[in-house]
Amino acid sequence: MWNLSFEPPVVIEAHVLTRLPEELRRPVRSEWADANKPGHKVDCFLEGPAFDREGHLYLTDIPHGRIFRLTDGSNWELVTETGGWPNGIAIHRDGSLWVADYRRGLLRVNPVDGQVDVLLGHRNSEGFKGLNDLTFDVDGNCYFTDQGQTGMHDPSGHVYRWRTDGRLDLLLNNAPSPNGIALDRDGKFLYLAVTRGNAVWRGPLLPDGSVSKVGVFRSFFGTSGPDGLAVDTDNRLVLAHASLGGAFVLNARGEVTHFVRSPTGNTITNVAFRPGSHELVMTDSEQGVVLTAKLPSEGHLLFSHC
């Protein structure tokens, strides 16, 4: 049952915006592919879409450690190579790229010269499991997920908040594959994509900064689960599903109102709104393709643009 009206969700057809050019693909063996796609030479795996104030779109290529900038809709530029496995990107108000890197931790990248700095490589001298995604609140505090190889067999994934004063808060330590992360429009609730649990969790953010009464907001199915998240101006949640071939739009009750369908592959991993518009972009990671679609509402402005 998708919603209490018992009507099917409205289907929105996405179309291809651009594709990673052949000359930038690397069809070679990688340690990331050995672990996550055994037996395959993965030429790219695109994630982490994020827009800067000039309208440029940034993307990560996890197995080959690269960050790209997309200008004029189809011009691909290599910004830097992190030396790790970069995943999610959140752009700071100062224009720097904050990157959740599975191998190296929380990074900051200068988009002008590509310089990479490690902001947070460990917690209390203990390495992270493997960072995945991140977001800022309105005050610039950074929320990020530490996913590693957790799942239903090992529900020990973490969610952290790194405050602007340097304090690191552990918010959750029991998630089976914490992945995409977002705050609602008013900053009162935390949404978490729990990929191997095939669900989205929702937890109130209390005045002291802690979370409480975390519950399952929406359950799904499939060989993989919810991945990247975004929020629109009507406080709806948009989630990419990594095995069902598209993105789902959920209202405040967790009902599916729309489904954005991919014309390419099933591995839709991340979503982002072009600031100030109804345009949603999605990454089809396995195909190395960026998709686009028009949604009913504009995206909620992130810290980078507030």
C-alpha atoms as a PDB file:
ATOM      1  CA  MET A   1       0.000   0.000   0.000  1.00  0.00           C
ATOM      2  CA  TRP A   2       1.605   3.239  -1.147  1.00  0.00           C
ATOM      3  CA  ASN A   3      -0.846   5.682   0.462  1.00  0.00           C
ATOM      4  CA  LEU A   4      -4.166   5.856   2.284  1.00  0.00           C
ATOM      5  CA  SER A   5      -6.005   7.158  -0.780  1.00  0.00           C
ATOM      6  CA  PHE A   6      -5.254   3.772  -2.396  1.00  0.00           C
ATOM      7  CA  GLU A   7      -4.364   5.635  -5.575  1.00  0.00           C
ATOM      8  CA  PRO A   8      -1.130   4.829  -7.376  1.00  0.00           C
ATOM      9  CA  PRO A   9       1.630   7.451  -7.087  1.00  0.00           C
ATOM     10  CA  VAL A  10       1.939   9.949  -9.920  1.00  0.00           C
ATOM     11  CA  VAL A  11       4.746   8.775 -12.201  1.00  0.00           C
ATOM     12  CA  ILE A  12       7.223  11.427 -13.400  1.00  0.00           C
ATOM     13  CA  GLU A  13       9.485  10.368 -16.235  1.00  0.00           C
ATOM     14  CA  ALA A  14      13.115  11.413 -15.868  1.00  0.00           C
ATOM     15  CA  HIS A  15      15.415  11.901 -18.830  1.00  0.00           C
ATOM     16  CA  VAL A  16      19.155  11.891 -19.338  1.00  0.00           C
ATOM     17  CA  LEU A  17      20.911  15.170 -18.592  1.00  0.00           C
ATOM     18  CA  THR A  18      24.441  13.982 -19.302  1.00  0.00           C
ATOM     19  CA  ARG A  19      26.697  10.941 -19.270  1.00  0.00           C
ATOM     20  CA  LEU A  20      30.267  10.585 -18.073  1.00  0.00           C
ATOM     21  CA  PRO A  21      32.344  10.767 -21.285  1.00  0.00           C
ATOM     22  CA  GLU A  22      34.114   7.619 -22.409  1.00  0.00           C
ATOM     23  CA  GLU A  23      37.534   9.246 -22.131  1.00  0.00           C
ATOM     24  CA  LEU A  24      36.958   9.793 -18.397  1.00  0.00           C
ATOM     25  CA  ARG A  25      35.873   6.230 -17.652  1.00  0.00           C
ATOM     26  CA  ARG A  26      38.387   3.825 -16.159  1.00  0.00           C
ATOM     27  CA  PRO A  27      37.469   0.199 -16.959  1.00  0.00           C
ATOM     28  CA  VAL A  28      40.160  -1.231 -14.681  1.00  0.00           C
ATOM     29  CA  ARG A  29      40.207  -3.370 -11.575  1.00  0.00           C
ATOM     30  CA  SER A  30      39.849  -1.488  -8.286  1.00  0.00           C
ATOM     31  CA  GLU A  31      39.804  -2.492  -4.635  1.00  0.00           C
ATOM     32  CA  TRP A  32      36.374  -0.877  -4.294  1.00  0.00           C
ATOM     33  CA  ALA A  33      34.962  -3.047  -7.084  1.00  0.00           C
ATOM     34  CA  ASP A  34      36.593  -6.161  -5.618  1.00  0.00           C
ATOM     35  CA  ALA A  35      34.704  -5.558  -2.382  1.00  0.00           C
ATOM     36  CA  ASN A  36      31.397  -4.189  -3.686  1.00  0.00           C
ATOM     37  CA  LYS A  37      31.045  -5.541  -7.245  1.00  0.00           C
ATOM     38  CA  PRO A  38      33.144  -8.751  -7.228  1.00  0.00           C
ATOM     39  CA  GLY A  39      34.321  -9.895 -10.633  1.00  0.00           C
ATOM     40  CA  HIS A  40      33.570  -6.582 -12.342  1.00  0.00           C
ATOM     41  CA  LYS A  41      35.758  -3.810 -13.696  1.00  0.00           C
ATOM     42  CA  VAL A  42      33.722  -0.776 -12.703  1.00  0.00           C
ATOM     43  CA  ASP A  43      34.611   2.147 -14.974  1.00  0.00           C
ATOM     44  CA  CYS A  44      32.804   4.639 -12.705  1.00  0.00           C
ATOM     45  CA  PHE A  45      30.226   4.818  -9.925  1.00  0.00           C
ATOM     46  CA  LEU A  46      28.768   8.315  -9.707  1.00  0.00           C
ATOM     47  CA  GLU A  47      27.271   9.707  -6.510  1.00  0.00           C
ATOM     48  CA  GLY A  48      27.149  12.852  -4.373  1.00  0.00           C
ATOM     49  CA  PRO A  49      25.399  15.461  -6.567  1.00  0.00           C
ATOM     50  CA  ALA A  50      25.644  18.974  -5.101  1.00  0.00           C
ATOM     51  CA  PHE A  51      25.185  22.443  -6.637  1.00  0.00           C
ATOM     52  CA  ASP A  52      27.304  25.482  -5.833  1.00  0.00           C
ATOM     53  CA  ARG A  53      26.155  29.101  -5.958  1.00  0.00           C
ATOM     54  CA  GLU A  54      27.196  29.433  -9.605  1.00  0.00           C
ATOM     55  CA  GLY A  55      24.967  26.516 -10.579  1.00  0.00           C
ATOM     56  CA  HIS A  56      27.819  24.073 -11.170  1.00  0.00           C
ATOM     57  CA  LEU A  57      27.057  20.463 -10.307  1.00  0.00           C
ATOM     58  CA  TYR A  58      29.663  18.428  -8.410  1.00  0.00           C
ATOM     59  CA  LEU A  59      29.774  14.616  -8.486  1.00  0.00           C
ATOM     60  CA  THR A  60      31.967  11.899  -6.994  1.00  0.00           C
ATOM     61  CA  ASP A  61      33.317   8.776  -8.660  1.00  0.00           C
ATOM     62  CA  ILE A  62      33.816   6.403  -5.723  1.00  0.00           C
ATOM     63  CA  PRO A  63      36.038   3.576  -7.032  1.00  0.00           C
ATOM     64  CA  HIS A  64      38.538   5.894  -8.691  1.00  0.00           C
ATOM     65  CA  GLY A  65      38.583   8.581  -6.002  1.00  0.00           C
ATOM     66  CA  ARG A  66      37.580  11.447  -8.254  1.00  0.00           C
ATOM     67  CA  ILE A  67      35.447  14.582  -7.912  1.00  0.00           C
ATOM     68  CA  PHE A  68      34.020  16.150 -11.058  1.00  0.00           C
ATOM     69  CA  ARG A  69      32.446  19.522 -11.777  1.00  0.00           C
ATOM     70  CA  LEU A  70      29.759  19.740 -14.430  1.00  0.00           C
ATOM     71  CA  THR A  71      29.391  23.120 -16.140  1.00  0.00           C
ATOM     72  CA  ASP A  72      27.061  24.241 -18.931  1.00  0.00           C
ATOM     73  CA  GLY A  73      25.052  21.055 -18.488  1.00  0.00           C
ATOM     74  CA  SER A  74      27.502  18.702 -20.178  1.00  0.00           C
ATOM     75  CA  ASN A  75      31.095  19.925 -19.705  1.00  0.00           C
ATOM     76  CA  TRP A  76      32.916  17.558 -17.311  1.00  0.00           C
ATOM     77  CA  GLU A  77      35.944  18.864 -15.396  1.00  0.00           C
ATOM     78  CA  LEU A  78      38.120  16.900 -12.974  1.00  0.00           C
ATOM     79  CA  VAL A  79      38.395  18.908  -9.755  1.00  0.00           C
ATOM     80  CA  THR A  80      40.610  16.571  -7.741  1.00  0.00           C
ATOM     81  CA  GLU A  81      41.418  13.020  -6.715  1.00  0.00           C
ATOM     82  CA  THR A  82      41.056  12.473  -2.974  1.00  0.00           C
ATOM     83  CA  GLY A  83      43.244   9.398  -2.618  1.00  0.00           C
ATOM     84  CA  GLY A  84      40.263   7.579  -1.134  1.00  0.00           C
ATOM     85  CA  TRP A  85      36.703   6.655  -2.011  1.00  0.00           C
ATOM     86  CA  PRO A  86      34.653   9.893  -1.982  1.00  0.00           C
ATOM     87  CA  ASN A  87      30.904   9.501  -1.657  1.00  0.00           C
ATOM     88  CA  GLY A  88      28.573  12.287  -0.494  1.00  0.00           C
ATOM     89  CA  ILE A  89      29.237  15.999  -1.014  1.00  0.00           C
ATOM     90  CA  ALA A  90      27.768  18.912   0.951  1.00  0.00           C
ATOM     91  CA  ILE A  91      28.803  22.435   0.010  1.00  0.00           C
ATOM     92  CA  HIS A  92      29.622  24.813   2.831  1.00  0.00           C
ATOM     93  CA  ARG A  93      28.430  28.408   2.839  1.00  0.00           C
ATOM     94  CA  ASP A  94      32.043  29.457   2.228  1.00  0.00           C
ATOM     95  CA  GLY A  95      32.028  27.519  -1.069  1.00  0.00           C
ATOM     96  CA  SER A  96      34.247  24.626   0.009  1.00  0.00           C
ATOM     97  CA  LEU A  97      33.218  21.055  -0.691  1.00  0.00           C
ATOM     98  CA  TRP A  98      32.817  18.843   2.374  1.00  0.00           C
ATOM     99  CA  VAL A  99      33.148  15.219   1.345  1.00  0.00           C
ATOM    100  CA  ALA A 100      32.305  11.962   3.123  1.00  0.00           C
ATOM    101  CA  ASP A 101      35.170   9.736   2.035  1.00  0.00           C
ATOM    102  CA  TYR A 102      34.872   6.043   2.891  1.00  0.00           C
ATOM    103  CA  ARG A 103      38.610   5.609   3.332  1.00  0.00           C
ATOM    104  CA  ARG A 104      39.855   8.952   4.590  1.00  0.00           C
ATOM    105  CA  GLY A 105      36.993  10.364   6.677  1.00  0.00           C
ATOM    106  CA  LEU A 106      35.503  13.829   6.490  1.00  0.00           C
ATOM    107  CA  LEU A 107      37.368  15.921   3.907  1.00  0.00           C
ATOM    108  CA  ARG A 108      37.300  19.535   2.727  1.00  0.00           C
ATOM    109  CA  VAL A 109      38.092  20.260  -0.907  1.00  0.00           C
ATOM    110  CA  ASN A 110      38.936  23.658  -2.351  1.00  0.00           C
ATOM    111  CA  PRO A 111      36.992  23.745  -5.652  1.00  0.00           C
ATOM    112  CA  VAL A 112      39.416  26.270  -7.151  1.00  0.00           C
ATOM    113  CA  ASP A 113      42.712  24.394  -6.845  1.00  0.00           C
ATOM    114  CA  GLY A 114      41.511  20.936  -5.776  1.00  0.00           C
ATOM    115  CA  GLN A 115      43.423  20.948  -2.484  1.00  0.00           C
ATOM    116  CA  VAL A 116      42.182  18.185  -0.153  1.00  0.00           C
ATOM    117  CA  ASP A 117      42.323  18.571   3.644  1.00  0.00           C
ATOM    118  CA  VAL A 118      41.272  15.963   6.202  1.00  0.00           C
ATOM    119  CA  LEU A 119      38.895  17.612   8.660  1.00  0.00           C
ATOM    120  CA  LEU A 120      38.092  14.532  10.709  1.00  0.00           C
ATOM    121  CA  GLY A 121      39.865  11.244  10.117  1.00  0.00           C
ATOM    122  CA  HIS A 122      38.881   9.366  13.279  1.00  0.00           C
ATOM    123  CA  ARG A 123      36.958   9.524  16.538  1.00  0.00           C
ATOM    124  CA  ASN A 124      38.889   9.180  19.802  1.00  0.00           C
ATOM    125  CA  SER A 125      41.828   7.675  17.847  1.00  0.00           C
ATOM    126  CA  GLU A 126      39.521   4.968  16.425  1.00  0.00           C
ATOM    127  CA  GLY A 127      38.968   4.918  12.664  1.00  0.00           C
ATOM    128  CA  PHE A 128      35.515   5.267  11.177  1.00  0.00           C
ATOM    129  CA  LYS A 129      33.783   2.269   9.581  1.00  0.00           C
ATOM    130  CA  GLY A 130      33.484   4.152   6.285  1.00  0.00           C
ATOM    131  CA  LEU A 131      31.742   7.504   5.813  1.00  0.00           C
ATOM    132  CA  ASN A 132      28.927   7.723   3.280  1.00  0.00           C
ATOM    133  CA  ASP A 133      26.866  10.931   3.252  1.00  0.00           C
ATOM    134  CA  LEU A 134      26.484  14.272   5.001  1.00  0.00           C
ATOM    135  CA  THR A 135      24.428  17.442   5.340  1.00  0.00           C
ATOM    136  CA  PHE A 136      24.557  20.781   7.172  1.00  0.00           C
ATOM    137  CA  ASP A 137      21.947  22.345   9.394  1.00  0.00           C
ATOM    138  CA  VAL A 138      21.163  26.054   9.221  1.00  0.00           C
ATOM    139  CA  ASP A 139      23.900  26.830  11.765  1.00  0.00           C
ATOM    140  CA  GLY A 140      26.599  24.959   9.875  1.00  0.00           C
ATOM    141  CA  ASN A 141      26.748  21.859  12.062  1.00  0.00           C
ATOM    142  CA  CYS A 142      27.621  18.833   9.930  1.00  0.00           C
ATOM    143  CA  TYR A 143      25.640  15.591  10.193  1.00  0.00           C
ATOM    144  CA  PHE A 144      27.233  12.527   8.597  1.00  0.00           C
ATOM    145  CA  THR A 145      26.761   8.787   8.330  1.00  0.00           C
ATOM    146  CA  ASP A 146      29.364   6.133   9.078  1.00  0.00           C
ATOM    147  CA  GLN A 147      28.119   3.121   7.132  1.00  0.00           C
ATOM    148  CA  GLY A 148      31.019   0.799   6.457  1.00  0.00           C
ATOM    149  CA  GLN A 149      29.884  -2.733   5.608  1.00  0.00           C
ATOM    150  CA  THR A 150      27.087  -2.800   8.188  1.00  0.00           C
ATOM    151  CA  GLY A 151      23.725  -4.382   7.466  1.00  0.00           C
ATOM    152  CA  MET A 152      21.070  -6.604   8.974  1.00  0.00           C
ATOM    153  CA  HIS A 153      23.871  -8.978  10.036  1.00  0.00           C
ATOM    154  CA  ASP A 154      25.679  -6.145  11.818  1.00  0.00           C
ATOM    155  CA  PRO A 155      23.378  -3.248  12.794  1.00  0.00           C
ATOM    156  CA  SER A 156      26.151  -1.040  14.132  1.00  0.00           C
ATOM    157  CA  GLY A 157      26.325   1.864  11.694  1.00  0.00           C
ATOM    158  CA  HIS A 158      26.772   5.323  13.204  1.00  0.00           C
ATOM    159  CA  VAL A 159      25.345   8.795  12.699  1.00  0.00           C
ATOM    160  CA  TYR A 160      27.388  11.744  13.943  1.00  0.00           C
ATOM    161  CA  ARG A 161      27.043  15.493  14.251  1.00  0.00           C
ATOM    162  CA  TRP A 162      30.211  17.594  14.163  1.00  0.00           C
ATOM    163  CA  ARG A 163      29.399  20.946  15.696  1.00  0.00           C
ATOM    164  CA  THR A 164      30.937  24.224  14.605  1.00  0.00           C
ATOM    165  CA  ASP A 165      32.706  24.428  17.999  1.00  0.00           C
ATOM    166  CA  GLY A 166      34.501  21.127  17.344  1.00  0.00           C
ATOM    167  CA  ARG A 167      32.367  18.804  19.480  1.00  0.00           C
ATOM    168  CA  LEU A 168      31.523  15.447  17.913  1.00  0.00           C
ATOM    169  CA  ASP A 169      28.176  13.943  18.955  1.00  0.00           C
ATOM    170  CA  LEU A 170      27.282  10.296  18.406  1.00  0.00           C
ATOM    171  CA  LEU A 171      23.554  10.372  17.619  1.00  0.00           C
ATOM    172  CA  LEU A 172      22.942   6.747  16.570  1.00  0.00           C
ATOM    173  CA  ASN A 173      25.036   3.581  16.770  1.00  0.00           C
ATOM    174  CA  ASN A 174      22.592   0.859  15.750  1.00  0.00           C
ATOM    175  CA  ALA A 175      21.718   1.435  12.107  1.00  0.00           C
ATOM    176  CA  PRO A 176      22.003  -1.447   9.605  1.00  0.00           C
ATOM    177  CA  SER A 177      23.724   0.513   6.825  1.00  0.00           C
ATOM    178  CA  PRO A 178      23.113   4.243   7.456  1.00  0.00           C
ATOM    179  CA  ASN A 179      23.384   6.038   4.138  1.00  0.00           C
ATOM    180  CA  GLY A 180      21.627   9.230   2.978  1.00  0.00           C
ATOM    181  CA  ILE A 181      20.871  11.868   5.602  1.00  0.00           C
ATOM    182  CA  ALA A 182      18.671  14.975   5.590  1.00  0.00           C
ATOM    183  CA  LEU A 183      16.938  17.386   7.928  1.00  0.00           C
ATOM    184  CA  ASP A 184      13.351  18.434   7.430  1.00  0.00           C
ATOM    185  CA  ARG A 185      12.562  21.966   6.246  1.00  0.00           C
ATOM    186  CA  ASP A 186      12.385  23.350   9.806  1.00  0.00           C
ATOM    187  CA  GLY A 187      15.367  21.457  11.195  1.00  0.00           C
ATOM    188  CA  LYS A 188      13.208  19.601  13.710  1.00  0.00           C
ATOM    189  CA  PHE A 189      13.555  16.051  12.385  1.00  0.00           C
ATOM    190  CA  LEU A 190      16.405  13.911  11.145  1.00  0.00           C
ATOM    191  CA  TYR A 191      15.791  11.548   8.211  1.00  0.00           C
ATOM    192  CA  LEU A 192      18.100   8.611   7.650  1.00  0.00           C
ATOM    193  CA  ALA A 193      18.176   6.194   4.714  1.00  0.00           C
ATOM    194  CA  VAL A 194      18.890   2.734   6.129  1.00  0.00           C
ATOM    195  CA  THR A 195      19.875   0.875   2.998  1.00  0.00           C
ATOM    196  CA  ARG A 196      20.179  -2.745   4.134  1.00  0.00           C
ATOM    197  CA  GLY A 197      17.147  -2.341   6.394  1.00  0.00           C
ATOM    198  CA  ASN A 198      15.302  -1.078   3.292  1.00  0.00           C
ATOM    199  CA  ALA A 199      13.698   1.765   5.197  1.00  0.00           C
ATOM    200  CA  VAL A 200      13.831   5.443   6.055  1.00  0.00           C
ATOM    201  CA  TRP A 201      14.098   6.298   9.743  1.00  0.00           C
ATOM    202  CA  ARG A 202      12.834   9.548  11.277  1.00  0.00           C
ATOM    203  CA  GLY A 203      13.852  11.016  14.626  1.00  0.00           C
ATOM    204  CA  PRO A 204      12.961  14.262  16.402  1.00  0.00           C
ATOM    205  CA  LEU A 205      15.894  16.570  17.154  1.00  0.00           C
ATOM    206  CA  LEU A 206      15.440  17.719  20.740  1.00  0.00           C
ATOM    207  CA  PRO A 207      16.406  21.164  22.087  1.00  0.00           C
ATOM    208  CA  ASP A 208      19.590  19.733  23.618  1.00  0.00           C
ATOM    209  CA  GLY A 209      20.619  18.381  20.203  1.00  0.00           C
ATOM    210  CA  SER A 210      19.965  14.712  20.912  1.00  0.00           C
ATOM    211  CA  VAL A 211      17.581  12.444  19.003  1.00  0.00           C
ATOM    212  CA  SER A 212      14.773  10.481  20.581  1.00  0.00           C
ATOM    213  CA  LYS A 213      11.995   8.084  19.630  1.00  0.00           C
ATOM    214  CA  VAL A 214      13.568   7.219  16.289  1.00  0.00           C
ATOM    215  CA  GLY A 215      11.121   5.213  14.193  1.00  0.00           C
ATOM    216  CA  VAL A 216      10.603   3.720  10.754  1.00  0.00           C
ATOM    217  CA  PHE A 217       9.079   6.419   8.562  1.00  0.00           C
ATOM    218  CA  ARG A 218       8.702   4.269   5.470  1.00  0.00           C
ATOM    219  CA  SER A 219       9.609   0.701   4.514  1.00  0.00           C
ATOM    220  CA  PHE A 220      10.534  -0.531   1.041  1.00  0.00           C
ATOM    221  CA  PHE A 221      11.701  -3.717  -0.650  1.00  0.00           C
ATOM    222  CA  GLY A 222      14.285  -4.785  -3.197  1.00  0.00           C
ATOM    223  CA  THR A 223      17.814  -6.124  -3.426  1.00  0.00           C
ATOM    224  CA  SER A 224      19.131  -2.805  -2.132  1.00  0.00           C
ATOM    225  CA  GLY A 225      17.346   0.061  -0.417  1.00  0.00           C
ATOM    226  CA  PRO A 226      16.965   3.814   0.109  1.00  0.00           C
ATOM    227  CA  ASP A 227      20.100   5.841  -0.538  1.00  0.00           C
ATOM    228  CA  GLY A 228      20.374   9.628  -1.026  1.00  0.00           C
ATOM    229  CA  LEU A 229      17.763  12.050   0.367  1.00  0.00           C
ATOM    230  CA  ALA A 230      16.517  15.575  -0.386  1.00  0.00           C
ATOM    231  CA  VAL A 231      13.721  17.781   0.972  1.00  0.00           C
ATOM    232  CA  ASP A 232      11.428  20.175  -0.928  1.00  0.00           C
ATOM    233  CA  THR A 233       9.805  23.446   0.138  1.00  0.00           C
ATOM    234  CA  ASP A 234       6.568  21.621   1.020  1.00  0.00           C
ATOM    235  CA  ASN A 235       8.552  19.467   3.466  1.00  0.00           C
ATOM    236  CA  ARG A 236       8.268  16.354   1.334  1.00  0.00           C
ATOM    237  CA  LEU A 237      11.124  13.882   1.351  1.00  0.00           C
ATOM    238  CA  VAL A 238      12.636  12.665  -1.923  1.00  0.00           C
ATOM    239  CA  LEU A 239      14.618   9.448  -1.711  1.00  0.00           C
ATOM    240  CA  ALA A 240      16.684   7.600  -4.265  1.00  0.00           C
ATOM    241  CA  HIS A 241      16.221   3.842  -4.182  1.00  0.00           C
ATOM    242  CA  ALA A 242      19.282   1.859  -5.212  1.00  0.00           C
ATOM    243  CA  SER A 243      17.456  -1.112  -6.747  1.00  0.00           C
ATOM    244  CA  LEU A 244      13.943  -0.005  -7.770  1.00  0.00           C
ATOM    245  CA  GLY A 245      14.873   2.251 -10.686  1.00  0.00           C
ATOM    246  CA  GLY A 246      13.900   5.682  -9.476  1.00  0.00           C
ATOM    247  CA  ALA A 247      13.192   8.117  -6.657  1.00  0.00           C
ATOM    248  CA  PHE A 248      10.154   8.220  -4.371  1.00  0.00           C
ATOM    249  CA  VAL A 249       8.474  11.374  -3.040  1.00  0.00           C
ATOM    250  CA  LEU A 250       6.999  11.026   0.466  1.00  0.00           C
ATOM    251  CA  ASN A 251       4.620  13.412   2.222  1.00  0.00           C
ATOM    252  CA  ALA A 252       4.669  14.188   5.945  1.00  0.00           C
ATOM    253  CA  ARG A 253       2.799  10.947   6.723  1.00  0.00           C
ATOM    254  CA  GLY A 254       5.272   8.805   4.825  1.00  0.00           C
ATOM    255  CA  GLU A 255       2.876   8.212   1.931  1.00  0.00           C
ATOM    256  CA  VAL A 256       4.293   7.882  -1.575  1.00  0.00           C
ATOM    257  CA  THR A 257       2.806  10.669  -3.691  1.00  0.00           C
ATOM    258  CA  HIS A 258       5.127  10.531  -6.730  1.00  0.00           C
ATOM    259  CA  PHE A 259       7.646   8.195  -8.317  1.00  0.00           C
ATOM    260  CA  VAL A 260      10.411   9.589 -10.546  1.00  0.00           C
ATOM    261  CA  ARG A 261      11.218   6.807 -12.989  1.00  0.00           C
ATOM    262  CA  SER A 262      14.642   6.240 -14.488  1.00  0.00           C
ATOM    263  CA  PRO A 263      14.890   5.604 -18.249  1.00  0.00           C
ATOM    264  CA  THR A 264      18.293   3.960 -17.852  1.00  0.00           C
ATOM    265  CA  GLY A 265      19.209   1.613 -15.005  1.00  0.00           C
ATOM    266  CA  ASN A 266      17.887   0.571 -11.603  1.00  0.00           C
ATOM    267  CA  THR A 267      20.747   1.822  -9.420  1.00  0.00           C
ATOM    268  CA  ILE A 268      19.497   5.316  -8.564  1.00  0.00           C
ATOM    269  CA  THR A 269      21.657   6.352  -5.644  1.00  0.00           C
ATOM    270  CA  ASN A 270      21.476  10.095  -5.026  1.00  0.00           C
ATOM    271  CA  VAL A 271      19.212  13.081  -5.577  1.00  0.00           C
ATOM    272  CA  ALA A 272      19.627  16.858  -5.404  1.00  0.00           C
ATOM    273  CA  PHE A 273      17.521  19.881  -6.329  1.00  0.00           C
ATOM    274  CA  ARG A 274      18.937  22.608  -8.516  1.00  0.00           C
ATOM    275  CA  PRO A 275      18.637  25.570  -6.103  1.00  0.00           C
ATOM    276  CA  GLY A 276      15.623  27.794  -6.632  1.00  0.00           C
ATOM    277  CA  SER A 277      13.975  25.406  -9.067  1.00  0.00           C
ATOM    278  CA  HIS A 278      11.720  22.358  -9.409  1.00  0.00           C
ATOM    279  CA  GLU A 279      14.499  20.450 -11.156  1.00  0.00           C
ATOM    280  CA  LEU A 280      15.695  17.271  -9.496  1.00  0.00           C
ATOM    281  CA  VAL A 281      18.874  15.533 -10.603  1.00  0.00           C
ATOM    282  CA  MET A 282      19.515  11.854  -9.898  1.00  0.00           C
ATOM    283  CA  THR A 283      22.598   9.690 -10.313  1.00  0.00           C
ATOM    284  CA  ASP A 284      22.342   6.351 -12.075  1.00  0.00           C
ATOM    285  CA  SER A 285      25.602   5.174 -10.595  1.00  0.00           C
ATOM    286  CA  GLU A 286      26.215   1.973 -12.518  1.00  0.00           C
ATOM    287  CA  GLN A 287      25.533   3.592 -15.885  1.00  0.00           C
ATOM    288  CA  GLY A 288      27.529   6.732 -15.108  1.00  0.00           C
ATOM    289  CA  VAL A 289      24.549   8.896 -16.028  1.00  0.00           C
ATOM    290  CA  VAL A 290      22.956  12.014 -14.513  1.00  0.00           C
ATOM    291  CA  LEU A 291      19.167  12.178 -14.895  1.00  0.00           C
ATOM    292  CA  THR A 292      16.821  15.130 -14.508  1.00  0.00           C
ATOM    293  CA  ALA A 293      13.100  15.619 -13.869  1.00  0.00           C
ATOM    294  CA  LYS A 294      10.672  18.372 -12.839  1.00  0.00           C
ATOM    295  CA  LEU A 295       8.983  17.879  -9.466  1.00  0.00           C
ATOM    296  CA  PRO A 296       5.847  19.571  -8.090  1.00  0.00           C
ATOM    297  CA  SER A 297       7.771  21.809  -5.675  1.00  0.00           C
ATOM    298  CA  GLU A 298      11.118  23.540  -5.451  1.00  0.00           C
ATOM    299  CA  GLY A 299      13.905  22.083  -3.399  1.00  0.00           C
ATOM    300  CA  HIS A 300      14.426  23.435   0.091  1.00  0.00           C
ATOM    301  CA  LEU A 301      17.530  25.653   0.112  1.00  0.00           C
ATOM    302  CA  LEU A 302      20.534  24.108   1.805  1.00  0.00           C
ATOM    303  CA  PHE A 303      23.162  25.742   4.047  1.00  0.00           C
ATOM    304  CA  SER A 304      25.273  26.581   0.991  1.00  0.00           C
ATOM    305  CA  HIS A 305      22.580  28.882  -0.380  1.00  0.00           C
ATOM    306  CA  CYS A 306      20.808  30.177   2.717  1.00  0.00           C
END
